[in-house]
PDB file of N, CA and C in Angstrom:
ATOM      1  N   MET A   1      -1.570 -26.156  -5.926  1.00  0.00           N
ATOM      2  CA  MET A   1      -2.306 -26.395  -6.112  1.00  0.00           C
ATOM      3  C   MET A   1      -0.418 -27.517  -7.661  1.00  0.00           C
ATOM      4  N   PHE A   2      -0.469 -28.613  -6.471  1.00  0.00           N
ATOM      5  CA  PHE A   2       0.948 -29.636  -6.966  1.00  0.00           C
ATOM      6  C   PHE A   2       1.283 -29.969  -8.546  1.00  0.00           C
ATOM      7  N   ASN A   3       0.711 -29.823  -8.953  1.00  0.00           N
ATOM      8  CA  ASN A   3       0.514 -30.510 -10.209  1.00  0.00           C
ATOM      9  C   ASN A   3      -0.224 -30.097 -11.050  1.00  0.00           C
ATOM     10  N   GLY A   4      -0.171 -28.479 -12.175  1.00  0.00           N
ATOM     11  CA  GLY A   4      -1.361 -28.248 -13.056  1.00  0.00           C
ATOM     12  C   GLY A   4      -2.321 -28.608 -14.202  1.00  0.00           C
ATOM     13  N   HIS A   5      -3.368 -28.418 -14.588  1.00  0.00           N
ATOM     14  CA  HIS A   5      -4.992 -29.095 -15.426  1.00  0.00           C
ATOM     15  C   HIS A   5      -3.446 -28.629 -16.576  1.00  0.00           C
ATOM     16  N   ARG A   6      -3.493 -29.437 -17.253  1.00  0.00           N
ATOM     17  CA  ARG A   6      -2.840 -29.016 -18.638  1.00  0.00           C
ATOM     18  C   ARG A   6      -3.884 -30.235 -19.990  1.00  0.00           C
ATOM     19  N   GLY A   7      -4.122 -29.476 -20.805  1.00  0.00           N
ATOM     20  CA  GLY A   7      -5.429 -30.155 -22.120  1.00  0.00           C
ATOM     21  C   GLY A   7      -6.746 -30.605 -22.180  1.00  0.00           C
ATOM     22  N   CYS A   8      -6.856 -31.647 -22.553  1.00  0.00           N
ATOM     23  CA  CYS A   8      -7.697 -31.698 -22.845  1.00  0.00           C
ATOM     24  C   CYS A   8      -8.837 -32.606 -22.106  1.00  0.00           C
ATOM     25  N   ASN A   9     -10.200 -33.258 -22.539  1.00  0.00           N
ATOM     26  CA  ASN A   9     -10.732 -34.364 -21.340  1.00  0.00           C
ATOM     27  C   ASN A   9     -10.070 -34.603 -20.629  1.00  0.00           C
ATOM     28  N   HIS A  10     -10.201 -33.271 -19.939  1.00  0.00           N
ATOM     29  CA  HIS A  10     -10.942 -32.942 -18.427  1.00  0.00           C
ATOM     30  C   HIS A  10     -11.669 -33.581 -17.972  1.00  0.00           C
ATOM     31  N   PRO A  11     -12.609 -34.292 -16.873  1.00  0.00           N
ATOM     32  CA  PRO A  11     -14.097 -34.426 -16.347  1.00  0.00           C
ATOM     33  C   PRO A  11     -14.338 -33.274 -15.373  1.00  0.00           C
ATOM     34  N   VAL A  12     -15.243 -32.335 -15.459  1.00  0.00           N
ATOM     35  CA  VAL A  12     -16.116 -31.681 -14.621  1.00  0.00           C
ATOM     36  C   VAL A  12     -17.305 -31.924 -14.323  1.00  0.00           C
ATOM     37  N   ILE A  13     -17.521 -31.809 -12.743  1.00  0.00           N
ATOM     38  CA  ILE A  13     -18.643 -32.070 -12.191  1.00  0.00           C
ATOM     39  C   ILE A  13     -19.722 -30.560 -12.736  1.00  0.00           C
ATOM     40  N   ASN A  14     -20.779 -30.553 -13.020  1.00  0.00           N
ATOM     41  CA  ASN A  14     -20.978 -29.680 -12.479  1.00  0.00           C
ATOM     42  C   ASN A  14     -22.353 -29.874 -11.315  1.00  0.00           C
ATOM     43  N   LEU A  15     -22.551 -29.239  -9.923  1.00  0.00           N
ATOM     44  CA  LEU A  15     -23.049 -29.438  -9.074  1.00  0.00           C
ATOM     45  C   LEU A  15     -25.007 -28.991  -8.921  1.00  0.00           C
ATOM     46  N   GLU A  16     -24.502 -27.852  -9.981  1.00  0.00           N
ATOM     47  CA  GLU A  16     -26.052 -27.111  -9.878  1.00  0.00           C
ATOM     48  C   GLU A  16     -26.998 -28.516 -10.536  1.00  0.00           C
ATOM     49  N   THR A  17     -26.487 -29.020 -11.479  1.00  0.00           N
ATOM     50  CA  THR A  17     -27.138 -29.320 -13.254  1.00  0.00           C
ATOM     51  C   THR A  17     -27.103 -31.565 -11.655  1.00  0.00           C
ATOM     52  N   GLY A  18     -25.838 -32.130 -11.635  1.00  0.00           N
ATOM     53  CA  GLY A  18     -25.443 -32.908 -12.295  1.00  0.00           C
ATOM     54  C   GLY A  18     -24.307 -33.559 -13.079  1.00  0.00           C
ATOM     55  N   LYS A  19     -24.849 -32.956 -14.392  1.00  0.00           N
ATOM     56  CA  LYS A  19     -24.040 -33.110 -15.741  1.00  0.00           C
ATOM     57  C   LYS A  19     -22.469 -33.054 -15.491  1.00  0.00           C
ATOM     58  N   GLY A  20     -21.790 -33.926 -15.824  1.00  0.00           N
ATOM     59  CA  GLY A  20     -20.732 -34.188 -16.048  1.00  0.00           C
ATOM     60  C   GLY A  20     -19.896 -33.268 -17.460  1.00  0.00           C
ATOM     61  N   GLU A  21     -19.279 -32.639 -17.760  1.00  0.00           N
ATOM     62  CA  GLU A  21     -18.479 -31.640 -18.756  1.00  0.00           C
ATOM     63  C   GLU A  21     -17.196 -32.350 -19.222  1.00  0.00           C
ATOM     64  N   ILE A  22     -16.393 -32.475 -20.470  1.00  0.00           N
ATOM     65  CA  ILE A  22     -15.821 -33.087 -20.501  1.00  0.00           C
ATOM     66  C   ILE A  22     -14.663 -31.746 -20.822  1.00  0.00           C
ATOM     67  N   THR A  23     -13.913 -31.070 -20.577  1.00  0.00           N
ATOM     68  CA  THR A  23     -12.867 -29.553 -20.961  1.00  0.00           C
ATOM     69  C   THR A  23     -11.525 -29.822 -21.186  1.00  0.00           C
ATOM     70  N   SER A  24     -10.833 -28.954 -21.211  1.00  0.00           N
ATOM     71  CA  SER A  24      -9.424 -28.269 -22.580  1.00  0.00           C
ATOM     72  C   SER A  24      -9.206 -27.133 -20.977  1.00  0.00           C
ATOM     73  N   GLN A  25      -8.442 -27.852 -20.122  1.00  0.00           N
ATOM     74  CA  GLN A  25      -7.314 -26.803 -19.191  1.00  0.00           C
ATOM     75  C   GLN A  25      -5.937 -26.635 -19.333  1.00  0.00           C
ATOM     76  N   ASN A  26      -5.586 -25.587 -18.735  1.00  0.00           N
ATOM     77  CA  ASN A  26      -4.381 -24.809 -18.541  1.00  0.00           C
ATOM     78  C   ASN A  26      -4.047 -24.055 -17.382  1.00  0.00           C
ATOM     79  N   HIS A  27      -3.363 -25.091 -16.694  1.00  0.00           N
ATOM     80  CA  HIS A  27      -3.764 -23.735 -15.518  1.00  0.00           C
ATOM     81  C   HIS A  27      -2.380 -24.299 -14.262  1.00  0.00           C
ATOM     82  N   GLY A  28      -1.884 -23.767 -13.681  1.00  0.00           N
ATOM     83  CA  GLY A  28      -1.620 -24.431 -12.430  1.00  0.00           C
ATOM     84  C   GLY A  28      -1.638 -23.920 -11.087  1.00  0.00           C
ATOM     85  N   PHE A  29      -2.673 -23.267 -11.526  1.00  0.00           N
ATOM     86  CA  PHE A  29      -3.012 -23.001  -9.695  1.00  0.00           C
ATOM     87  C   PHE A  29      -4.301 -22.678  -9.368  1.00  0.00           C
ATOM     88  N   VAL A  30      -4.912 -22.767  -8.473  1.00  0.00           N
ATOM     89  CA  VAL A  30      -6.750 -22.576  -7.803  1.00  0.00           C
ATOM     90  C   VAL A  30      -7.396 -21.720  -6.494  1.00  0.00           C
ATOM     91  N   VAL A  31      -8.462 -21.518  -7.391  1.00  0.00           N
ATOM     92  CA  VAL A  31      -9.302 -21.889  -5.985  1.00  0.00           C
ATOM     93  C   VAL A  31      -8.690 -22.151  -4.781  1.00  0.00           C
ATOM     94  N   ASP A  32      -8.413 -21.710  -3.438  1.00  0.00           N
ATOM     95  CA  ASP A  32      -9.052 -22.511  -2.245  1.00  0.00           C
ATOM     96  C   ASP A  32     -10.066 -23.147  -2.049  1.00  0.00           C
ATOM     97  N   THR A  33     -10.373 -24.147  -1.967  1.00  0.00           N
ATOM     98  CA  THR A  33     -11.991 -24.836  -1.923  1.00  0.00           C
ATOM     99  C   THR A  33     -12.736 -24.025  -0.314  1.00  0.00           C
ATOM    100  N   GLU A  34     -11.595 -24.522   0.851  1.00  0.00           N
ATOM    101  CA  GLU A  34     -11.750 -24.260   1.767  1.00  0.00           C
ATOM    102  C   GLU A  34     -12.350 -22.461   2.088  1.00  0.00           C
ATOM    103  N   SER A  35     -11.902 -21.743   1.503  1.00  0.00           N
ATOM    104  CA  SER A  35     -11.802 -20.630   1.110  1.00  0.00           C
ATOM    105  C   SER A  35     -13.276 -19.661   0.465  1.00  0.00           C
ATOM    106  N   ALA A  36     -12.872 -20.649  -0.472  1.00  0.00           N
ATOM    107  CA  ALA A  36     -14.431 -19.995  -1.457  1.00  0.00           C
ATOM    108  C   ALA A  36     -16.634 -21.269   0.100  1.00  0.00           C
ATOM    109  N   ASP A  37     -15.453 -21.949   0.314  1.00  0.00           N
ATOM    110  CA  ASP A  37     -16.913 -22.777   0.873  1.00  0.00           C
ATOM    111  C   ASP A  37     -17.236 -21.388   1.997  1.00  0.00           C
ATOM    112  N   GLY A  38     -15.503 -21.358   2.749  1.00  0.00           N
ATOM    113  CA  GLY A  38     -15.974 -20.211   4.438  1.00  0.00           C
ATOM    114  C   GLY A  38     -16.979 -19.005   3.927  1.00  0.00           C
ATOM    115  N   ASN A  39     -16.729 -18.732   2.034  1.00  0.00           N
ATOM    116  CA  ASN A  39     -17.393 -17.417   1.953  1.00  0.00           C
ATOM    117  C   ASN A  39     -19.385 -17.425   1.889  1.00  0.00           C
ATOM    118  N   ALA A  40     -19.667 -17.176   3.072  1.00  0.00           N
ATOM    119  CA  ALA A  40     -21.999 -17.353   2.858  1.00  0.00           C
ATOM    120  C   ALA A  40     -21.895 -16.541   1.425  1.00  0.00           C
ATOM    121  N   ASN A  41     -21.244 -16.444   0.746  1.00  0.00           N
ATOM    122  CA  ASN A  41     -21.856 -15.141  -0.799  1.00  0.00           C
ATOM    123  C   ASN A  41     -21.058 -16.098  -1.858  1.00  0.00           C
ATOM    124  N   ILE A  42     -20.942 -17.394  -1.554  1.00  0.00           N
ATOM    125  CA  ILE A  42     -20.525 -17.693  -2.564  1.00  0.00           C
ATOM    126  C   ILE A  42     -20.877 -19.494  -2.890  1.00  0.00           C
ATOM    127  N   VAL A  43     -20.995 -19.462  -4.041  1.00  0.00           N
ATOM    128  CA  VAL A  43     -21.275 -21.301  -4.522  1.00  0.00           C
ATOM    129  C   VAL A  43     -20.388 -21.553  -4.815  1.00  0.00           C
ATOM    130  N   ILE A  44     -20.428 -22.746  -4.585  1.00  0.00           N
ATOM    131  CA  ILE A  44     -19.226 -23.573  -6.022  1.00  0.00           C
ATOM    132  C   ILE A  44     -20.197 -24.493  -6.576  1.00  0.00           C
ATOM    133  N   THR A  45     -19.818 -24.566  -7.758  1.00  0.00           N
ATOM    134  CA  THR A  45     -20.908 -24.392  -8.929  1.00  0.00           C
ATOM    135  C   THR A  45     -20.248 -26.370  -9.618  1.00  0.00           C
ATOM    136  N   HIS A  46     -18.424 -26.078  -9.359  1.00  0.00           N
ATOM    137  CA  HIS A  46     -18.232 -27.648 -10.284  1.00  0.00           C
ATOM    138  C   HIS A  46     -17.122 -28.329  -9.693  1.00  0.00           C
ATOM    139  N   LYS A  47     -16.479 -28.857  -9.413  1.00  0.00           N
ATOM    140  CA  LYS A  47     -15.637 -29.301  -9.215  1.00  0.00           C
ATOM    141  C   LYS A  47     -15.053 -30.416 -10.439  1.00  0.00           C
ATOM    142  N   HIS A  48     -13.705 -30.584 -10.137  1.00  0.00           N
ATOM    143  CA  HIS A  48     -12.673 -31.307 -11.245  1.00  0.00           C
ATOM    144  C   HIS A  48     -13.151 -32.732 -10.377  1.00  0.00           C
ATOM    145  N   LEU A  49     -12.976 -33.449 -11.576  1.00  0.00           N
ATOM    146  CA  LEU A  49     -13.284 -34.795 -10.965  1.00  0.00           C
ATOM    147  C   LEU A  49     -11.924 -35.915 -10.834  1.00  0.00           C
ATOM    148  N   ASN A  50     -10.527 -35.475 -11.245  1.00  0.00           N
ATOM    149  CA  ASN A  50      -9.569 -36.153 -11.037  1.00  0.00           C
ATOM    150  C   ASN A  50      -9.526 -35.756 -10.080  1.00  0.00           C
ATOM    151  N   ASP A  51      -8.512 -35.379  -9.689  1.00  0.00           N
ATOM    152  CA  ASP A  51      -7.848 -34.233  -8.452  1.00  0.00           C
ATOM    153  C   ASP A  51      -8.932 -33.870  -6.803  1.00  0.00           C
ATOM    154  N   ASP A  52     -10.608 -33.592  -7.661  1.00  0.00           N
ATOM    155  CA  ASP A  52     -11.967 -32.707  -6.087  1.00  0.00           C
ATOM    156  C   ASP A  52     -11.530 -31.601  -6.360  1.00  0.00           C
ATOM    157  N   THR A  53     -10.961 -30.716  -7.034  1.00  0.00           N
ATOM    158  CA  THR A  53     -10.426 -29.370  -6.836  1.00  0.00           C
ATOM    159  C   THR A  53     -11.638 -28.381  -6.794  1.00  0.00           C
ATOM    160  N   LEU A  54     -11.200 -27.344  -6.812  1.00  0.00           N
ATOM    161  CA  LEU A  54     -13.137 -26.232  -7.174  1.00  0.00           C
ATOM    162  C   LEU A  54     -12.454 -26.255  -9.079  1.00  0.00           C
ATOM    163  N   ALA A  55     -13.602 -25.824  -9.192  1.00  0.00           N
ATOM    164  CA  ALA A  55     -13.663 -25.995 -10.990  1.00  0.00           C
ATOM    165  C   ALA A  55     -14.192 -25.299 -11.141  1.00  0.00           C
ATOM    166  N   GLY A  56     -15.208 -23.776  -9.641  1.00  0.00           N
ATOM    167  CA  GLY A  56     -16.629 -23.383 -10.373  1.00  0.00           C
ATOM    168  C   GLY A  56     -17.033 -22.315  -9.269  1.00  0.00           C
ATOM    169  N   ILE A  57     -17.539 -21.074  -9.642  1.00  0.00           N
ATOM    170  CA  ILE A  57     -17.767 -20.605  -8.478  1.00  0.00           C
ATOM    171  C   ILE A  57     -18.684 -19.811  -9.158  1.00  0.00           C
ATOM    172  N   ARG A  58     -20.223 -19.838  -8.254  1.00  0.00           N
ATOM    173  CA  ARG A  58     -21.447 -18.835  -8.392  1.00  0.00           C
ATOM    174  C   ARG A  58     -21.191 -17.189  -7.093  1.00  0.00           C
ATOM    175  N   PHE A  59     -21.248 -16.384  -7.736  1.00  0.00           N
ATOM    176  CA  PHE A  59     -21.613 -15.199  -6.581  1.00  0.00           C
ATOM    177  C   PHE A  59     -22.917 -15.281  -6.025  1.00  0.00           C
ATOM    178  N   LYS A  60     -23.446 -15.329  -5.303  1.00  0.00           N
ATOM    179  CA  LYS A  60     -25.294 -15.736  -4.921  1.00  0.00           C
ATOM    180  C   LYS A  60     -25.990 -13.893  -4.650  1.00  0.00           C
ATOM    181  N   ASP A  61     -25.201 -12.964  -4.037  1.00  0.00           N
ATOM    182  CA  ASP A  61     -25.677 -11.636  -5.059  1.00  0.00           C
ATOM    183  C   ASP A  61     -25.586 -10.526  -5.754  1.00  0.00           C
ATOM    184  N   ARG A  62     -24.975 -11.168  -6.776  1.00  0.00           N
ATOM    185  CA  ARG A  62     -24.777 -10.503  -7.593  1.00  0.00           C
ATOM    186  C   ARG A  62     -24.024 -11.317  -9.424  1.00  0.00           C
ATOM    187  N   ALA A  63     -23.819 -11.119 -10.372  1.00  0.00           N
ATOM    188  CA  ALA A  63     -24.110 -11.644 -11.299  1.00  0.00           C
ATOM    189  C   ALA A  63     -22.982 -12.332 -11.923  1.00  0.00           C
ATOM    190  N   ILE A  64     -22.157 -12.025 -11.456  1.00  0.00           N
ATOM    191  CA  ILE A  64     -21.008 -12.212 -11.623  1.00  0.00           C
ATOM    192  C   ILE A  64     -20.840 -14.362 -11.616  1.00  0.00           C
ATOM    193  N   PHE A  65     -20.067 -15.200 -12.784  1.00  0.00           N
ATOM    194  CA  PHE A  65     -19.797 -16.515 -12.527  1.00  0.00           C
ATOM    195  C   PHE A  65     -18.449 -16.795 -13.160  1.00  0.00           C
ATOM    196  N   SER A  66     -17.379 -17.634 -12.280  1.00  0.00           N
ATOM    197  CA  SER A  66     -16.600 -18.608 -12.664  1.00  0.00           C
ATOM    198  C   SER A  66     -16.078 -20.082 -13.245  1.00  0.00           C
ATOM    199  N   VAL A  67     -15.237 -19.849 -14.663  1.00  0.00           N
ATOM    200  CA  VAL A  67     -14.773 -21.585 -14.486  1.00  0.00           C
ATOM    201  C   VAL A  67     -13.521 -21.646 -14.395  1.00  0.00           C
ATOM    202  N   GLN A  68     -12.847 -22.590 -13.947  1.00  0.00           N
ATOM    203  CA  GLN A  68     -11.998 -22.771 -13.991  1.00  0.00           C
ATOM    204  C   GLN A  68     -11.056 -23.884 -15.697  1.00  0.00           C
ATOM    205  N   TYR A  69     -11.811 -23.496 -16.036  1.00  0.00           N
ATOM    206  CA  TYR A  69     -11.058 -24.651 -17.799  1.00  0.00           C
ATOM    207  C   TYR A  69     -11.533 -23.225 -18.806  1.00  0.00           C
ATOM    208  N   HIS A  70     -11.144 -24.177 -20.234  1.00  0.00           N
ATOM    209  CA  HIS A  70     -11.665 -23.324 -21.087  1.00  0.00           C
ATOM    210  C   HIS A  70     -12.839 -23.622 -21.981  1.00  0.00           C
ATOM    211  N   PRO A  71     -14.104 -23.123 -21.641  1.00  0.00           N
ATOM    212  CA  PRO A  71     -15.338 -23.036 -22.014  1.00  0.00           C
ATOM    213  C   PRO A  71     -15.321 -22.491 -23.738  1.00  0.00           C
ATOM    214  N   GLU A  72     -15.177 -23.194 -24.061  1.00  0.00           N
ATOM    215  CA  GLU A  72     -15.112 -22.253 -26.112  1.00  0.00           C
ATOM    216  C   GLU A  72     -15.836 -23.424 -26.108  1.00  0.00           C
ATOM    217  N   ALA A  73     -16.814 -22.176 -27.245  1.00  0.00           N
ATOM    218  CA  ALA A  73     -17.622 -22.303 -27.883  1.00  0.00           C
ATOM    219  C   ALA A  73     -17.810 -23.393 -28.631  1.00  0.00           C
ATOM    220  N   SER A  74     -16.478 -23.356 -29.620  1.00  0.00           N
ATOM    221  CA  SER A  74     -15.967 -24.377 -30.774  1.00  0.00           C
ATOM    222  C   SER A  74     -14.591 -24.338 -31.083  1.00  0.00           C
ATOM    223  N   PRO A  75     -13.669 -25.231 -31.500  1.00  0.00           N
ATOM    224  CA  PRO A  75     -14.605 -26.586 -31.898  1.00  0.00           C
ATOM    225  C   PRO A  75     -13.933 -27.098 -30.091  1.00  0.00           C
ATOM    226  N   GLY A  76     -14.347 -28.591 -30.806  1.00  0.00           N
ATOM    227  CA  GLY A  76     -13.981 -29.317 -29.660  1.00  0.00           C
ATOM    228  C   GLY A  76     -15.454 -29.576 -28.603  1.00  0.00           C
ATOM    229  N   PRO A  77     -15.659 -30.468 -27.541  1.00  0.00           N
ATOM    230  CA  PRO A  77     -16.664 -30.901 -27.227  1.00  0.00           C
ATOM    231  C   PRO A  77     -17.260 -29.043 -26.475  1.00  0.00           C
ATOM    232  N   HIS A  78     -19.277 -29.365 -26.658  1.00  0.00           N
ATOM    233  CA  HIS A  78     -19.578 -28.507 -26.267  1.00  0.00           C
ATOM    234  C   HIS A  78     -20.479 -28.671 -24.981  1.00  0.00           C
ATOM    235  N   ASP A  79     -19.438 -28.873 -24.019  1.00  0.00           N
ATOM    236  CA  ASP A  79     -20.730 -29.092 -22.480  1.00  0.00           C
ATOM    237  C   ASP A  79     -20.192 -28.044 -22.127  1.00  0.00           C
ATOM    238  N   SER A  80     -19.731 -26.848 -22.204  1.00  0.00           N
ATOM    239  CA  SER A  80     -20.129 -25.469 -21.090  1.00  0.00           C
ATOM    240  C   SER A  80     -20.833 -24.481 -23.119  1.00  0.00           C
ATOM    241  N   ARG A  81     -21.006 -25.422 -23.124  1.00  0.00           N
ATOM    242  CA  ARG A  81     -21.906 -24.134 -24.092  1.00  0.00           C
ATOM    243  C   ARG A  81     -22.547 -23.315 -23.529  1.00  0.00           C
ATOM    244  N   TYR A  82     -23.577 -23.565 -22.216  1.00  0.00           N
ATOM    245  CA  TYR A  82     -24.578 -23.223 -21.559  1.00  0.00           C
ATOM    246  C   TYR A  82     -23.602 -21.479 -21.042  1.00  0.00           C
ATOM    247  N   LEU A  83     -22.884 -22.144 -20.924  1.00  0.00           N
ATOM    248  CA  LEU A  83     -22.198 -20.658 -20.215  1.00  0.00           C
ATOM    249  C   LEU A  83     -21.858 -19.714 -20.871  1.00  0.00           C
ATOM    250  N   PHE A  84     -22.099 -19.980 -22.068  1.00  0.00           N
ATOM    251  CA  PHE A  84     -22.114 -18.276 -23.104  1.00  0.00           C
ATOM    252  C   PHE A  84     -23.314 -17.750 -22.603  1.00  0.00           C
ATOM    253  N   ASP A  85     -24.640 -18.748 -22.793  1.00  0.00           N
ATOM    254  CA  ASP A  85     -25.589 -18.072 -23.041  1.00  0.00           C
ATOM    255  C   ASP A  85     -26.180 -17.585 -21.270  1.00  0.00           C
ATOM    256  N   ASN A  86     -25.583 -17.854 -20.101  1.00  0.00           N
ATOM    257  CA  ASN A  86     -25.461 -17.921 -18.483  1.00  0.00           C
ATOM    258  C   ASN A  86     -24.666 -15.818 -18.878  1.00  0.00           C
ATOM    259  N   PHE A  87     -23.819 -16.023 -19.480  1.00  0.00           N
ATOM    260  CA  PHE A  87     -22.946 -14.184 -19.580  1.00  0.00           C
ATOM    261  C   PHE A  87     -24.022 -13.350 -20.232  1.00  0.00           C
ATOM    262  N   VAL A  88     -24.703 -13.763 -21.286  1.00  0.00           N
ATOM    263  CA  VAL A  88     -25.738 -12.805 -22.250  1.00  0.00           C
ATOM    264  C   VAL A  88     -26.635 -12.186 -20.999  1.00  0.00           C
ATOM    265  N   GLU A  89     -26.881 -13.563 -20.410  1.00  0.00           N
ATOM    266  CA  GLU A  89     -27.740 -13.509 -19.962  1.00  0.00           C
ATOM    267  C   GLU A  89     -28.052 -12.553 -18.289  1.00  0.00           C
ATOM    268  N   ASN A  90     -27.073 -12.760 -17.734  1.00  0.00           N
ATOM    269  CA  ASN A  90     -26.239 -11.918 -17.083  1.00  0.00           C
ATOM    270  C   ASN A  90     -26.054 -10.510 -17.361  1.00  0.00           C
ATOM    271  N   ILE A  91     -25.959  -9.816 -18.638  1.00  0.00           N
ATOM    272  CA  ILE A  91     -25.605  -9.095 -19.297  1.00  0.00           C
ATOM    273  C   ILE A  91     -27.105  -8.351 -19.411  1.00  0.00           C
ATOM    274  N   VAL A  92     -27.679  -9.122 -20.091  1.00  0.00           N
ATOM    275  CA  VAL A  92     -29.280  -8.534 -20.641  1.00  0.00           C
ATOM    276  C   VAL A  92     -30.927  -8.006 -19.245  1.00  0.00           C
ATOM    277  N   ASN A  93     -29.675  -8.630 -18.459  1.00  0.00           N
ATOM    278  CA  ASN A  93     -30.810  -9.052 -16.786  1.00  0.00           C
ATOM    279  C   ASN A  93     -30.211  -7.380 -15.807  1.00  0.00           C
ATOM    280  N   SER A  94     -28.873  -7.310 -16.188  1.00  0.00           N
ATOM    281  CA  SER A  94     -28.061  -5.653 -15.392  1.00  0.00           C
ATOM    282  C   SER A  94     -29.095  -4.830 -16.408  1.00  0.00           C
ATOM    283  N   LYS A  95     -29.025  -5.398 -17.780  1.00  0.00           N
ATOM    284  CA  LYS A  95     -28.552  -3.242 -18.560  1.00  0.00           C
ATOM    285  C   LYS A  95     -30.013  -3.581 -18.234  1.00  0.00           C
ATOM    286  N   ALA A  96     -31.225  -4.332 -18.459  1.00  0.00           N
ATOM    287  CA  ALA A  96     -33.093  -3.908 -17.778  1.00  0.00           C
ATOM    288  C   ALA A  96     -32.899  -3.239 -16.128  1.00  0.00           C
ATOM    289  N   MET A  97     -32.377  -3.675 -14.801  1.00  0.00           N
ATOM    290  CA  MET A  97     -31.877  -3.598 -14.130  1.00  0.00           C
ATOM    291  C   MET A  97     -31.755  -1.370 -13.615  1.00  0.00           C
ATOM    292  N   VAL A  98     -30.614  -1.144 -15.071  1.00  0.00           N
ATOM    293  CA  VAL A  98     -30.343  -0.437 -14.662  1.00  0.00           C
ATOM    294  C   VAL A  98     -31.136   0.856 -15.824  1.00  0.00           C
ATOM    295  N   SER A  99     -32.140   0.750 -17.040  1.00  0.00           N
ATOM    296  CA  SER A  99     -33.223   0.787 -17.226  1.00  0.00           C
ATOM    297  C   SER A  99     -33.652   1.582 -16.587  1.00  0.00           C
ATOM    298  N   ALA A 100     -34.149   0.708 -15.670  1.00  0.00           N
ATOM    299  CA  ALA A 100     -35.357  -0.101 -15.389  1.00  0.00           C
ATOM    300  C   ALA A 100     -35.786   1.423 -13.510  1.00  0.00           C
TER     301      ALA A 100
END
């Protein structure tokens, strides 16, 4: 990554929902899009709209996802609050599978 992403108000698109998110970021690295795209088990879920870098992935066979920004629940934009719900849902579902 030539320049890092620093600061707030970075636009990211959720490719699964089509919704834009305003994010806070502070990093100087990024997951390589070609590597993620070449892995049949990874779904690219988010893209940074300023430079088209990868901003989120999800695994198809595991309850794992990641985003390349700070999805704080508060203060600030709440666009990414759903990620916390997804995380808790993954925990509940994993516990249910272990208990079964």
